[in-house]
Amino acid sequence: MPPMPAAVSFIRGIMDAIGPDDVRLGDEVRFFNKMNTAGRQNPPIITCKPIYASSKFTVNM
């Protein structure tokens, strides 16, 4: 059974408020916003970082 709309709205509100520092990604975000010594933005690096894991599911970012 899908969750009730009120529950989805509540969870969405919480998730929308989460920022990079809340899930220990602040340093990575700041890295991409910095310019390198040649005056160019650092190239994106594709990574996957687990931010939560339980016996039932894992959330990766």
PDB file of N, CA and C in Angstrom:
ATOM      1  N   MET A   1       0.846  -1.175   0.000  1.00  0.00           N
ATOM      2  CA  MET A   1       0.000   0.000   0.000  1.00  0.00           C
ATOM      3  C   MET A   1       0.896   1.244   0.000  1.00  0.00           C
ATOM      4  N   PRO A   2       0.640   2.193  -0.892  1.00  0.00           N
ATOM      5  CA  PRO A   2       1.439   3.424  -0.908  1.00  0.00           C
ATOM      6  C   PRO A   2       1.160   4.273   0.332  1.00  0.00           C
ATOM      7  N   PRO A   3       2.132   5.104   0.711  1.00  0.00           N
ATOM      8  CA  PRO A   3       1.920   5.965   1.889  1.00  0.00           C
ATOM      9  C   PRO A   3       0.858   7.027   1.618  1.00  0.00           C
ATOM     10  N   MET A   4       0.258   7.495   2.666  1.00  0.00           N
ATOM     11  CA  MET A   4      -0.766   8.541   2.572  1.00  0.00           C
ATOM     12  C   MET A   4      -0.136   9.835   2.062  1.00  0.00           C
ATOM     13  N   PRO A   5      -0.867  10.642   1.303  1.00  0.00           N
ATOM     14  CA  PRO A   5      -0.317  11.901   0.781  1.00  0.00           C
ATOM     15  C   PRO A   5       0.253  12.811   1.869  1.00  0.00           C
ATOM     16  N   ALA A   6      -0.379  12.840   3.026  1.00  0.00           N
ATOM     17  CA  ALA A   6       0.131  13.687   4.114  1.00  0.00           C
ATOM     18  C   ALA A   6       1.510  13.207   4.567  1.00  0.00           C
ATOM     19  N   ALA A   7       1.706  11.891   4.623  1.00  0.00           N
ATOM     20  CA  ALA A   7       3.010  11.351   5.025  1.00  0.00           C
ATOM     21  C   ALA A   7       4.069  11.673   3.976  1.00  0.00           C
ATOM     22  N   VAL A   8       3.707  11.554   2.699  1.00  0.00           N
ATOM     23  CA  VAL A   8       4.647  11.882   1.618  1.00  0.00           C
ATOM     24  C   VAL A   8       5.031  13.357   1.698  1.00  0.00           C
ATOM     25  N   SER A   9       4.058  14.217   1.912  1.00  0.00           N
ATOM     26  CA  SER A   9       4.326  15.650   2.020  1.00  0.00           C
ATOM     27  C   SER A   9       5.243  15.956   3.205  1.00  0.00           C
ATOM     28  N   PHE A  10       4.999  15.310   4.333  1.00  0.00           N
ATOM     29  CA  PHE A  10       5.819  15.509   5.524  1.00  0.00           C
ATOM     30  C   PHE A  10       7.269  15.090   5.265  1.00  0.00           C
ATOM     31  N   ILE A  11       7.449  13.903   4.705  1.00  0.00           N
ATOM     32  CA  ILE A  11       8.799  13.404   4.426  1.00  0.00           C
ATOM     33  C   ILE A  11       9.490  14.271   3.375  1.00  0.00           C
ATOM     34  N   ARG A  12       8.753  14.686   2.351  1.00  0.00           N
ATOM     35  CA  ARG A  12       9.333  15.546   1.319  1.00  0.00           C
ATOM     36  C   ARG A  12       9.829  16.863   1.930  1.00  0.00           C
ATOM     37  N   GLY A  13       9.058  17.415   2.855  1.00  0.00           N
ATOM     38  CA  GLY A  13       9.477  18.651   3.517  1.00  0.00           C
ATOM     39  C   GLY A  13      10.787  18.482   4.267  1.00  0.00           C
ATOM     40  N   ILE A  14      10.943  17.345   4.923  1.00  0.00           N
ATOM     41  CA  ILE A  14      12.187  17.063   5.643  1.00  0.00           C
ATOM     42  C   ILE A  14      13.337  16.891   4.658  1.00  0.00           C
ATOM     43  N   MET A  15      13.116  16.104   3.605  1.00  0.00           N
ATOM     44  CA  MET A  15      14.168  15.841   2.615  1.00  0.00           C
ATOM     45  C   MET A  15      14.592  17.121   1.886  1.00  0.00           C
ATOM     46  N   ASP A  16      13.636  18.006   1.602  1.00  0.00           N
ATOM     47  CA  ASP A  16      13.956  19.264   0.925  1.00  0.00           C
ATOM     48  C   ASP A  16      14.835  20.172   1.777  1.00  0.00           C
ATOM     49  N   ALA A  17      14.774  20.001   3.095  1.00  0.00           N
ATOM     50  CA  ALA A  17      15.554  20.847   4.000  1.00  0.00           C
ATOM     51  C   ALA A  17      16.967  20.323   4.241  1.00  0.00           C
ATOM     52  N   ILE A  18      17.273  19.108   3.791  1.00  0.00           N
ATOM     53  CA  ILE A  18      18.595  18.520   4.013  1.00  0.00           C
ATOM     54  C   ILE A  18      19.595  19.127   3.042  1.00  0.00           C
ATOM     55  N   GLY A  19      20.712  19.569   3.579  1.00  0.00           N
ATOM     56  CA  GLY A  19      21.776  20.136   2.757  1.00  0.00           C
ATOM     57  C   GLY A  19      23.007  19.262   2.755  1.00  0.00           C
ATOM     58  N   PRO A  20      24.023  19.629   1.967  1.00  0.00           N
ATOM     59  CA  PRO A  20      25.233  18.817   1.853  1.00  0.00           C
ATOM     60  C   PRO A  20      25.952  18.583   3.180  1.00  0.00           C
ATOM     61  N   ASP A  21      25.972  19.581   4.045  1.00  0.00           N
ATOM     62  CA  ASP A  21      26.658  19.415   5.334  1.00  0.00           C
ATOM     63  C   ASP A  21      25.931  18.420   6.239  1.00  0.00           C
ATOM     64  N   ASP A  22      24.609  18.300   6.072  1.00  0.00           N
ATOM     65  CA  ASP A  22      23.831  17.364   6.889  1.00  0.00           C
ATOM     66  C   ASP A  22      24.185  15.915   6.603  1.00  0.00           C
ATOM     67  N   VAL A  23      24.670  15.629   5.401  1.00  0.00           N
ATOM     68  CA  VAL A  23      25.025  14.258   5.020  1.00  0.00           C
ATOM     69  C   VAL A  23      26.514  14.127   4.720  1.00  0.00           C
ATOM     70  N   ARG A  24      27.289  15.026   5.319  1.00  0.00           N
ATOM     71  CA  ARG A  24      28.754  15.011   5.220  1.00  0.00           C
ATOM     72  C   ARG A  24      29.269  15.080   3.775  1.00  0.00           C
ATOM     73  N   LEU A  25      28.597  15.897   2.955  1.00  0.00           N
ATOM     74  CA  LEU A  25      29.045  16.112   1.582  1.00  0.00           C
ATOM     75  C   LEU A  25      29.528  17.546   1.363  1.00  0.00           C
ATOM     76  N   GLY A  26      29.587  18.328   2.416  1.00  0.00           N
ATOM     77  CA  GLY A  26      29.978  19.729   2.293  1.00  0.00           C
ATOM     78  C   GLY A  26      31.330  19.923   1.649  1.00  0.00           C
ATOM     79  N   ASP A  27      32.321  19.132   2.046  1.00  0.00           N
ATOM     80  CA  ASP A  27      33.662  19.283   1.476  1.00  0.00           C
ATOM     81  C   ASP A  27      33.659  18.989  -0.017  1.00  0.00           C
ATOM     82  N   GLU A  28      32.909  17.971  -0.446  1.00  0.00           N
ATOM     83  CA  GLU A  28      32.850  17.636  -1.859  1.00  0.00           C
ATOM     84  C   GLU A  28      32.200  18.759  -2.663  1.00  0.00           C
ATOM     85  N   VAL A  29      31.126  19.327  -2.135  1.00  0.00           N
ATOM     86  CA  VAL A  29      30.439  20.418  -2.829  1.00  0.00           C
ATOM     87  C   VAL A  29      31.358  21.627  -2.933  1.00  0.00           C
ATOM     88  N   ARG A  30      32.054  21.954  -1.849  1.00  0.00           N
ATOM     89  CA  ARG A  30      32.969  23.102  -1.882  1.00  0.00           C
ATOM     90  C   ARG A  30      34.103  22.864  -2.876  1.00  0.00           C
ATOM     91  N   PHE A  31      34.568  21.620  -3.019  1.00  0.00           N
ATOM     92  CA  PHE A  31      35.620  21.311  -3.982  1.00  0.00           C
ATOM     93  C   PHE A  31      35.184  21.682  -5.390  1.00  0.00           C
ATOM     94  N   PHE A  32      33.958  21.329  -5.765  1.00  0.00           N
ATOM     95  CA  PHE A  32      33.490  21.586  -7.122  1.00  0.00           C
ATOM     96  C   PHE A  32      33.224  23.058  -7.376  1.00  0.00           C
ATOM     97  N   ASN A  33      32.994  23.834  -6.326  1.00  0.00           N
ATOM     98  CA  ASN A  33      32.736  25.255  -6.498  1.00  0.00           C
ATOM     99  C   ASN A  33      34.012  26.086  -6.573  1.00  0.00           C
ATOM    100  N   LYS A  34      35.153  25.492  -6.240  1.00  0.00           N
ATOM    101  CA  LYS A  34      36.430  26.216  -6.287  1.00  0.00           C
ATOM    102  C   LYS A  34      37.012  26.204  -7.689  1.00  0.00           C
ATOM    103  N   MET A  35      37.807  27.208  -7.976  1.00  0.00           N
ATOM    104  CA  MET A  35      38.518  27.254  -9.244  1.00  0.00           C
ATOM    105  C   MET A  35      39.909  26.660  -9.030  1.00  0.00           C
ATOM    106  N   ASN A  36      40.423  26.001 -10.049  1.00  0.00           N
ATOM    107  CA  ASN A  36      41.770  25.452  -9.932  1.00  0.00           C
ATOM    108  C   ASN A  36      42.792  26.545 -10.251  1.00  0.00           C
ATOM    109  N   THR A  37      44.064  26.224 -10.239  1.00  0.00           N
ATOM    110  CA  THR A  37      45.112  27.227 -10.434  1.00  0.00           C
ATOM    111  C   THR A  37      45.080  27.837 -11.829  1.00  0.00           C
ATOM    112  N   ALA A  38      44.486  27.156 -12.802  1.00  0.00           N
ATOM    113  CA  ALA A  38      44.386  27.700 -14.160  1.00  0.00           C
ATOM    114  C   ALA A  38      43.167  28.608 -14.310  1.00  0.00           C
ATOM    115  N   GLY A  39      42.408  28.819 -13.221  1.00  0.00           N
ATOM    116  CA  GLY A  39      41.239  29.680 -13.275  1.00  0.00           C
ATOM    117  C   GLY A  39      40.005  28.996 -13.833  1.00  0.00           C
ATOM    118  N   ARG A  40      40.039  27.699 -13.894  1.00  0.00           N
ATOM    119  CA  ARG A  40      38.892  26.939 -14.387  1.00  0.00           C
ATOM    120  C   ARG A  40      38.245  26.188 -13.222  1.00  0.00           C
ATOM    121  N   GLN A  41      36.965  25.911 -13.385  1.00  0.00           N
ATOM    122  CA  GLN A  41      36.284  25.144 -12.341  1.00  0.00           C
ATOM    123  C   GLN A  41      36.786  23.705 -12.381  1.00  0.00           C
ATOM    124  N   ASN A  42      36.955  23.120 -11.207  1.00  0.00           N
ATOM    125  CA  ASN A  42      37.406  21.734 -11.127  1.00  0.00           C
ATOM    126  C   ASN A  42      36.440  20.823 -11.883  1.00  0.00           C
ATOM    127  N   PRO A  43      36.965  19.821 -12.567  1.00  0.00           N
ATOM    128  CA  PRO A  43      36.079  18.914 -13.305  1.00  0.00           C
ATOM    129  C   PRO A  43      35.258  18.051 -12.349  1.00  0.00           C
ATOM    130  N   PRO A  44      34.024  17.752 -12.728  1.00  0.00           N
ATOM    131  CA  PRO A  44      33.218  16.894 -11.852  1.00  0.00           C
ATOM    132  C   PRO A  44      33.784  15.480 -11.793  1.00  0.00           C
ATOM    133  N   ILE A  45      33.707  14.899 -10.628  1.00  0.00           N
ATOM    134  CA  ILE A  45      34.129  13.520 -10.417  1.00  0.00           C
ATOM    135  C   ILE A  45      32.875  12.752 -10.015  1.00  0.00           C
ATOM    136  N   ILE A  46      32.560  11.716 -10.747  1.00  0.00           N
ATOM    137  CA  ILE A  46      31.365  10.941 -10.438  1.00  0.00           C
ATOM    138  C   ILE A  46      31.699   9.971  -9.315  1.00  0.00           C
ATOM    139  N   THR A  47      30.984  10.115  -8.220  1.00  0.00           N
ATOM    140  CA  THR A  47      31.201   9.245  -7.071  1.00  0.00           C
ATOM    141  C   THR A  47      29.858   8.822  -6.501  1.00  0.00           C
ATOM    142  N   CYS A  48      29.892   7.857  -5.645  1.00  0.00           N
ATOM    143  CA  CYS A  48      28.707   7.395  -4.934  1.00  0.00           C
ATOM    144  C   CYS A  48      29.102   7.261  -3.467  1.00  0.00           C
ATOM    145  N   LYS A  49      28.335   7.891  -2.612  1.00  0.00           N
ATOM    146  CA  LYS A  49      28.665   7.870  -1.195  1.00  0.00           C
ATOM    147  C   LYS A  49      27.443   7.429  -0.399  1.00  0.00           C
ATOM    148  N   PRO A  50      27.550   6.333   0.351  1.00  0.00           N
ATOM    149  CA  PRO A  50      26.405   5.930   1.178  1.00  0.00           C
ATOM    150  C   PRO A  50      26.214   6.924   2.321  1.00  0.00           C
ATOM    151  N   ILE A  51      24.976   7.376   2.490  1.00  0.00           N
ATOM    152  CA  ILE A  51      24.708   8.315   3.578  1.00  0.00           C
ATOM    153  C   ILE A  51      23.845   7.687   4.664  1.00  0.00           C
ATOM    154  N   TYR A  52      23.244   6.532   4.351  1.00  0.00           N
ATOM    155  CA  TYR A  52      22.488   5.786   5.367  1.00  0.00           C
ATOM    156  C   TYR A  52      22.394   4.340   4.910  1.00  0.00           C
ATOM    157  N   ALA A  53      22.527   3.426   5.838  1.00  0.00           N
ATOM    158  CA  ALA A  53      22.375   2.012   5.514  1.00  0.00           C
ATOM    159  C   ALA A  53      21.691   1.299   6.676  1.00  0.00           C
ATOM    160  N   SER A  54      20.768   0.419   6.336  1.00  0.00           N
ATOM    161  CA  SER A  54      20.125  -0.426   7.334  1.00  0.00           C
ATOM    162  C   SER A  54      20.016  -1.824   6.739  1.00  0.00           C
ATOM    163  N   SER A  55      19.414  -2.724   7.468  1.00  0.00           N
ATOM    164  CA  SER A  55      19.256  -4.084   6.944  1.00  0.00           C
ATOM    165  C   SER A  55      18.219  -4.142   5.824  1.00  0.00           C
ATOM    166  N   LYS A  56      17.399  -3.090   5.689  1.00  0.00           N
ATOM    167  CA  LYS A  56      16.340  -3.084   4.686  1.00  0.00           C
ATOM    168  C   LYS A  56      16.650  -2.246   3.447  1.00  0.00           C
ATOM    169  N   PHE A  57      17.446  -1.180   3.592  1.00  0.00           N
ATOM    170  CA  PHE A  57      17.770  -0.351   2.434  1.00  0.00           C
ATOM    171  C   PHE A  57      19.000   0.510   2.705  1.00  0.00           C
ATOM    172  N   THR A  58      19.556   1.051   1.625  1.00  0.00           N
ATOM    173  CA  THR A  58      20.692   1.968   1.692  1.00  0.00           C
ATOM    174  C   THR A  58      20.368   3.196   0.859  1.00  0.00           C
ATOM    175  N   VAL A  59      20.748   4.367   1.357  1.00  0.00           N
ATOM    176  CA  VAL A  59      20.594   5.602   0.606  1.00  0.00           C
ATOM    177  C   VAL A  59      21.982   6.041   0.184  1.00  0.00           C
ATOM    178  N   ASN A  60      22.185   6.147  -1.124  1.00  0.00           N
ATOM    179  CA  ASN A  60      23.463   6.605  -1.678  1.00  0.00           C
ATOM    180  C   ASN A  60      23.269   7.962  -2.316  1.00  0.00           C
ATOM    181  N   MET A  61      24.328   8.756  -2.283  1.00  0.00           N
ATOM    182  CA  MET A  61      24.271  10.063  -2.900  1.00  0.00           C
ATOM    183  C   MET A  61      25.413  10.179  -3.856  1.00  0.00           C
TER     184      MET A  61
END
